[in-house]
PDB file of all heavy atoms in Angstrom:
ATOM      1  N   TRP A   1      -0.735 -45.835 175.290  1.00  0.00           N
ATOM      2  CA  TRP A   1      -0.876 -44.907 176.415  1.00  0.00           C
ATOM      3  C   TRP A   1      -1.280 -45.593 177.719  1.00  0.00           C
ATOM      4  O   TRP A   1      -0.630 -45.394 178.746  1.00  0.00           O
ATOM      5  CB  TRP A   1      -1.869 -43.802 176.046  1.00  0.00           C
ATOM      6  CG  TRP A   1      -1.296 -42.747 175.148  1.00  0.00           C
ATOM      7  CD1 TRP A   1       0.031 -42.429 174.999  1.00  0.00           C
ATOM      8  CD2 TRP A   1      -2.015 -41.882 174.269  1.00  0.00           C
ATOM      9  NE1 TRP A   1       0.181 -41.418 174.084  1.00  0.00           N
ATOM     10  CE2 TRP A   1      -1.058 -41.051 173.621  1.00  0.00           C
ATOM     11  CE3 TRP A   1      -3.363 -41.704 173.986  1.00  0.00           C
ATOM     12  CZ2 TRP A   1      -1.428 -40.074 172.701  1.00  0.00           C
ATOM     13  CZ3 TRP A   1      -3.735 -40.727 173.060  1.00  0.00           C
ATOM     14  CH2 TRP A   1      -2.780 -39.930 172.428  1.00  0.00           C
ATOM     15  N   PRO A   2      -2.342 -46.411 177.729  1.00  0.00           N
ATOM     16  CA  PRO A   2      -2.714 -47.064 179.001  1.00  0.00           C
ATOM     17  C   PRO A   2      -1.637 -48.026 179.506  1.00  0.00           C
ATOM     18  O   PRO A   2      -1.382 -48.088 180.716  1.00  0.00           O
ATOM     19  CB  PRO A   2      -4.003 -47.823 178.647  1.00  0.00           C
ATOM     20  CG  PRO A   2      -4.531 -47.158 177.430  1.00  0.00           C
ATOM     21  CD  PRO A   2      -3.328 -46.710 176.665  1.00  0.00           C
ATOM     22  N   LEU A   3      -1.010 -48.775 178.583  1.00  0.00           N
ATOM     23  CA  LEU A   3      -0.003 -49.747 179.021  1.00  0.00           C
ATOM     24  C   LEU A   3       1.222 -49.052 179.599  1.00  0.00           C
ATOM     25  O   LEU A   3       1.731 -49.434 180.668  1.00  0.00           O
ATOM     26  CB  LEU A   3       0.390 -50.636 177.840  1.00  0.00           C
ATOM     27  CG  LEU A   3       1.321 -51.810 178.145  1.00  0.00           C
ATOM     28  CD1 LEU A   3       0.749 -52.681 179.248  1.00  0.00           C
ATOM     29  CD2 LEU A   3       1.560 -52.635 176.874  1.00  0.00           C
ATOM     30  N   THR A   4       1.700 -48.013 178.919  1.00  0.00           N
ATOM     31  CA  THR A   4       2.836 -47.258 179.449  1.00  0.00           C
ATOM     32  C   THR A   4       2.484 -46.608 180.780  1.00  0.00           C
ATOM     33  O   THR A   4       3.282 -46.641 181.735  1.00  0.00           O
ATOM     34  CB  THR A   4       3.274 -46.179 178.443  1.00  0.00           C
ATOM     35  OG1 THR A   4       3.618 -46.788 177.202  1.00  0.00           O
ATOM     36  CG2 THR A   4       4.476 -45.407 178.970  1.00  0.00           C
ATOM     37  N   SER A   5       1.294 -46.026 180.867  1.00  0.00           N
ATOM     38  CA  SER A   5       0.856 -45.387 182.113  1.00  0.00           C
ATOM     39  C   SER A   5       0.788 -46.393 183.256  1.00  0.00           C
ATOM     40  O   SER A   5       1.188 -46.084 184.387  1.00  0.00           O
ATOM     41  CB  SER A   5      -0.513 -44.730 181.923  1.00  0.00           C
ATOM     42  OG  SER A   5      -0.458 -43.711 180.962  1.00  0.00           O
ATOM     43  N   ALA A   6       0.292 -47.591 182.963  1.00  0.00           N
ATOM     44  CA  ALA A   6       0.169 -48.614 184.009  1.00  0.00           C
ATOM     45  C   ALA A   6       1.544 -49.032 184.521  1.00  0.00           C
ATOM     46  O   ALA A   6       1.738 -49.198 185.732  1.00  0.00           O
ATOM     47  CB  ALA A   6      -0.585 -49.824 183.457  1.00  0.00           C
ATOM     48  N   VAL A   7       2.511 -49.196 183.627  1.00  0.00           N
ATOM     49  CA  VAL A   7       3.853 -49.595 184.050  1.00  0.00           C
ATOM     50  C   VAL A   7       4.525 -48.472 184.836  1.00  0.00           C
ATOM     51  O   VAL A   7       5.183 -48.717 185.859  1.00  0.00           O
ATOM     52  CB  VAL A   7       4.706 -49.989 182.829  1.00  0.00           C
ATOM     53  CG1 VAL A   7       6.147 -50.262 183.245  1.00  0.00           C
ATOM     54  CG2 VAL A   7       4.115 -51.210 182.136  1.00  0.00           C
ATOM     55  N   VAL A   8       4.353 -47.221 184.385  1.00  0.00           N
ATOM     56  CA  VAL A   8       4.920 -46.087 185.107  1.00  0.00           C
ATOM     57  C   VAL A   8       4.325 -45.998 186.511  1.00  0.00           C
ATOM     58  O   VAL A   8       5.044 -45.768 187.497  1.00  0.00           O
ATOM     59  CB  VAL A   8       4.683 -44.774 184.338  1.00  0.00           C
ATOM     60  CG1 VAL A   8       5.073 -43.566 185.196  1.00  0.00           C
ATOM     61  CG2 VAL A   8       5.474 -44.758 183.036  1.00  0.00           C
ATOM     62  N   ALA A   9       3.001 -46.206 186.617  1.00  0.00           N
ATOM     63  CA  ALA A   9       2.337 -46.137 187.925  1.00  0.00           C
ATOM     64  C   ALA A   9       2.773 -47.275 188.841  1.00  0.00           C
ATOM     65  O   ALA A   9       2.958 -47.082 190.045  1.00  0.00           O
ATOM     66  CB  ALA A   9       0.823 -46.159 187.737  1.00  0.00           C
ATOM     67  N   ALA A  10       2.956 -48.453 188.273  1.00  0.00           N
ATOM     68  CA  ALA A  10       3.333 -49.611 189.082  1.00  0.00           C
ATOM     69  C   ALA A  10       4.810 -49.637 189.425  1.00  0.00           C
ATOM     70  O   ALA A  10       5.204 -50.170 190.469  1.00  0.00           O
ATOM     71  CB  ALA A  10       2.958 -50.895 188.351  1.00  0.00           C
ATOM     72  N   SER A  11       5.642 -49.051 188.578  1.00  0.00           N
ATOM     73  CA  SER A  11       7.088 -49.063 188.806  1.00  0.00           C
ATOM     74  C   SER A  11       7.666 -47.677 188.563  1.00  0.00           C
ATOM     75  O   SER A  11       7.611 -46.811 189.436  1.00  0.00           O
ATOM     76  CB  SER A  11       7.742 -50.101 187.888  1.00  0.00           C
ATOM     77  OG  SER A  11       9.130 -50.182 188.108  1.00  0.00           O
ATOM     78  N   ASP A  12       8.196 -47.424 187.353  1.00  0.00           N
ATOM     79  CA  ASP A  12       8.734 -46.106 187.010  1.00  0.00           C
ATOM     80  C   ASP A  12       8.887 -46.026 185.491  1.00  0.00           C
ATOM     81  O   ASP A  12       8.664 -47.009 184.776  1.00  0.00           O
ATOM     82  CB  ASP A  12      10.075 -45.838 187.703  1.00  0.00           C
ATOM     83  CG  ASP A  12      11.071 -46.969 187.506  1.00  0.00           C
ATOM     84  OD1 ASP A  12      10.988 -47.667 186.468  1.00  0.00           O
ATOM     85  OD2 ASP A  12      11.936 -47.169 188.374  1.00  0.00           O
ATOM     86  N   TRP A  13       9.253 -44.842 184.993  1.00  0.00           N
ATOM     87  CA  TRP A  13       9.333 -44.671 183.541  1.00  0.00           C
ATOM     88  C   TRP A  13      10.479 -45.440 182.898  1.00  0.00           C
ATOM     89  O   TRP A  13      10.322 -45.910 181.759  1.00  0.00           O
ATOM     90  CB  TRP A  13       9.386 -43.184 183.176  1.00  0.00           C
ATOM     91  CG  TRP A  13      10.620 -42.441 183.635  1.00  0.00           C
ATOM     92  CD1 TRP A  13      10.788 -41.736 184.787  1.00  0.00           C
ATOM     93  CD2 TRP A  13      11.859 -42.341 182.916  1.00  0.00           C
ATOM     94  NE1 TRP A  13      12.047 -41.202 184.850  1.00  0.00           N
ATOM     95  CE2 TRP A  13      12.717 -41.550 183.701  1.00  0.00           C
ATOM     96  CE3 TRP A  13      12.311 -42.831 181.690  1.00  0.00           C
ATOM     97  CZ2 TRP A  13      14.024 -41.240 183.315  1.00  0.00           C
ATOM     98  CZ3 TRP A  13      13.613 -42.531 181.282  1.00  0.00           C
ATOM     99  CH2 TRP A  13      14.439 -41.737 182.101  1.00  0.00           C
ATOM    100  N   PRO A  14      11.642 -45.625 183.566  1.00  0.00           N
ATOM    101  CA  PRO A  14      12.661 -46.467 182.919  1.00  0.00           C
ATOM    102  C   PRO A  14      12.179 -47.901 182.695  1.00  0.00           C
ATOM    103  O   PRO A  14      12.519 -48.520 181.683  1.00  0.00           O
ATOM    104  CB  PRO A  14      13.831 -46.419 183.902  1.00  0.00           C
ATOM    105  CG  PRO A  14      13.677 -45.120 184.627  1.00  0.00           C
ATOM    106  CD  PRO A  14      12.196 -44.979 184.793  1.00  0.00           C
ATOM    107  N   THR A  15      11.366 -48.418 183.617  1.00  0.00           N
ATOM    108  CA  THR A  15      10.826 -49.765 183.436  1.00  0.00           C
ATOM    109  C   THR A  15       9.912 -49.826 182.220  1.00  0.00           C
ATOM    110  O   THR A  15       9.907 -50.820 181.485  1.00  0.00           O
ATOM    111  CB  THR A  15      10.063 -50.205 184.693  1.00  0.00           C
ATOM    112  OG1 THR A  15      10.943 -50.151 185.822  1.00  0.00           O
ATOM    113  CG2 THR A  15       9.514 -51.625 184.545  1.00  0.00           C
ATOM    114  N   ALA A  16       9.142 -48.761 182.004  1.00  0.00           N
ATOM    115  CA  ALA A  16       8.284 -48.711 180.819  1.00  0.00           C
ATOM    116  C   ALA A  16       9.129 -48.751 179.545  1.00  0.00           C
ATOM    117  O   ALA A  16       8.774 -49.440 178.574  1.00  0.00           O
ATOM    118  CB  ALA A  16       7.420 -47.453 180.853  1.00  0.00           C
ATOM    119  N   CYS A  17      10.239 -48.021 179.537  1.00  0.00           N
ATOM    120  CA  CYS A  17      11.130 -48.056 178.370  1.00  0.00           C
ATOM    121  C   CYS A  17      11.691 -49.456 178.150  1.00  0.00           C
ATOM    122  O   CYS A  17      11.775 -49.933 177.007  1.00  0.00           O
ATOM    123  CB  CYS A  17      12.275 -47.059 178.552  1.00  0.00           C
ATOM    124  SG  CYS A  17      11.768 -45.326 178.590  1.00  0.00           S
ATOM    125  N   LEU A  18      12.080 -50.127 179.243  1.00  0.00           N
ATOM    126  CA  LEU A  18      12.610 -51.485 179.142  1.00  0.00           C
ATOM    127  C   LEU A  18      11.547 -52.451 178.634  1.00  0.00           C
ATOM    128  O   LEU A  18      11.852 -53.385 177.874  1.00  0.00           O
ATOM    129  CB  LEU A  18      13.147 -51.936 180.495  1.00  0.00           C
ATOM    130  CG  LEU A  18      14.345 -51.146 181.038  1.00  0.00           C
ATOM    131  CD1 LEU A  18      14.727 -51.649 182.419  1.00  0.00           C
ATOM    132  CD2 LEU A  18      15.541 -51.252 180.094  1.00  0.00           C
ATOM    133  N   MET A  19      10.295 -52.236 179.052  1.00  0.00           N
ATOM    134  CA  MET A  19       9.197 -53.089 178.571  1.00  0.00           C
ATOM    135  C   MET A  19       9.063 -52.994 177.060  1.00  0.00           C
ATOM    136  O   MET A  19       8.956 -54.010 176.362  1.00  0.00           O
ATOM    137  CB  MET A  19       7.889 -52.682 179.244  1.00  0.00           C
ATOM    138  CG  MET A  19       6.667 -53.404 178.680  1.00  0.00           C
ATOM    139  SD  MET A  19       5.113 -52.578 179.071  1.00  0.00           S
ATOM    140  CE  MET A  19       5.236 -51.083 178.080  1.00  0.00           C
ATOM    141  N   TRP A  20       9.081 -51.770 176.523  1.00  0.00           N
ATOM    142  CA  TRP A  20       8.940 -51.596 175.086  1.00  0.00           C
ATOM    143  C   TRP A  20      10.159 -52.120 174.342  1.00  0.00           C
ATOM    144  O   TRP A  20      10.031 -52.661 173.225  1.00  0.00           O
ATOM    145  CB  TRP A  20       8.682 -50.135 174.743  1.00  0.00           C
ATOM    146  CG  TRP A  20       7.303 -49.674 175.114  1.00  0.00           C
ATOM    147  CD1 TRP A  20       6.957 -48.699 176.000  1.00  0.00           C
ATOM    148  CD2 TRP A  20       6.066 -50.198 174.596  1.00  0.00           C
ATOM    149  NE1 TRP A  20       5.580 -48.574 176.075  1.00  0.00           N
ATOM    150  CE2 TRP A  20       5.009 -49.478 175.219  1.00  0.00           C
ATOM    151  CE3 TRP A  20       5.753 -51.190 173.678  1.00  0.00           C
ATOM    152  CZ2 TRP A  20       3.671 -49.734 174.957  1.00  0.00           C
ATOM    153  CZ3 TRP A  20       4.412 -51.460 173.412  1.00  0.00           C
ATOM    154  CH2 TRP A  20       3.388 -50.727 174.044  1.00  0.00           C
ATOM    155  N   ALA A  21      11.339 -51.999 174.935  1.00  0.00           N
ATOM    156  CA  ALA A  21      12.538 -52.573 174.314  1.00  0.00           C
ATOM    157  C   ALA A  21      12.394 -54.093 174.206  1.00  0.00           C
ATOM    158  O   ALA A  21      12.740 -54.686 173.163  1.00  0.00           O
ATOM    159  CB  ALA A  21      13.776 -52.209 175.130  1.00  0.00           C
ATOM    160  N   ALA A  22      11.870 -54.724 175.237  1.00  0.00           N
ATOM    161  CA  ALA A  22      11.645 -56.170 175.199  1.00  0.00           C
ATOM    162  C   ALA A  22      10.612 -56.540 174.142  1.00  0.00           C
ATOM    163  O   ALA A  22      10.745 -57.564 173.454  1.00  0.00           O
ATOM    164  CB  ALA A  22      11.200 -56.667 176.579  1.00  0.00           C
ATOM    165  N   ALA A  23       9.575 -55.715 173.991  1.00  0.00           N
ATOM    166  CA  ALA A  23       8.549 -55.979 172.983  1.00  0.00           C
ATOM    167  C   ALA A  23       9.142 -55.941 171.577  1.00  0.00           C
ATOM    168  O   ALA A  23       8.788 -56.755 170.710  1.00  0.00           O
ATOM    169  CB  ALA A  23       7.413 -54.972 173.117  1.00  0.00           C
ATOM    170  N   HIS A  24      10.045 -54.998 171.336  1.00  0.00           N
ATOM    171  CA  HIS A  24      10.707 -54.937 170.035  1.00  0.00           C
ATOM    172  C   HIS A  24      11.544 -56.190 169.790  1.00  0.00           C
ATOM    173  O   HIS A  24      11.517 -56.770 168.694  1.00  0.00           O
ATOM    174  CB  HIS A  24      11.615 -53.701 169.954  1.00  0.00           C
ATOM    175  CG  HIS A  24      10.903 -52.454 169.571  1.00  0.00           C
ATOM    176  ND1 HIS A  24      10.516 -52.192 168.280  1.00  0.00           N
ATOM    177  CD2 HIS A  24      10.501 -51.389 170.315  1.00  0.00           C
ATOM    178  CE1 HIS A  24       9.908 -51.012 168.239  1.00  0.00           C
ATOM    179  NE2 HIS A  24       9.880 -50.513 169.452  1.00  0.00           N
ATOM    180  N   LEU A  25      12.277 -56.600 170.813  1.00  0.00           N
ATOM    181  CA  LEU A  25      13.203 -57.723 170.655  1.00  0.00           C
ATOM    182  C   LEU A  25      12.481 -59.058 170.522  1.00  0.00           C
ATOM    183  O   LEU A  25      12.858 -59.903 169.695  1.00  0.00           O
ATOM    184  CB  LEU A  25      14.161 -57.750 171.855  1.00  0.00           C
ATOM    185  CG  LEU A  25      15.350 -58.695 171.769  1.00  0.00           C
ATOM    186  CD1 LEU A  25      16.257 -58.297 170.609  1.00  0.00           C
ATOM    187  CD2 LEU A  25      16.129 -58.685 173.078  1.00  0.00           C
TER     188      LEU A  25
END
C-alpha cells in the first residue's frame, strides 16, 4: 500500500502497475 501510493503520488497509477510488473520479472 505505501509503495503503490508513493508511486501514484509521484507519477501516476499506470507507472505503479509498471513498477509491479518489473518486480515480477
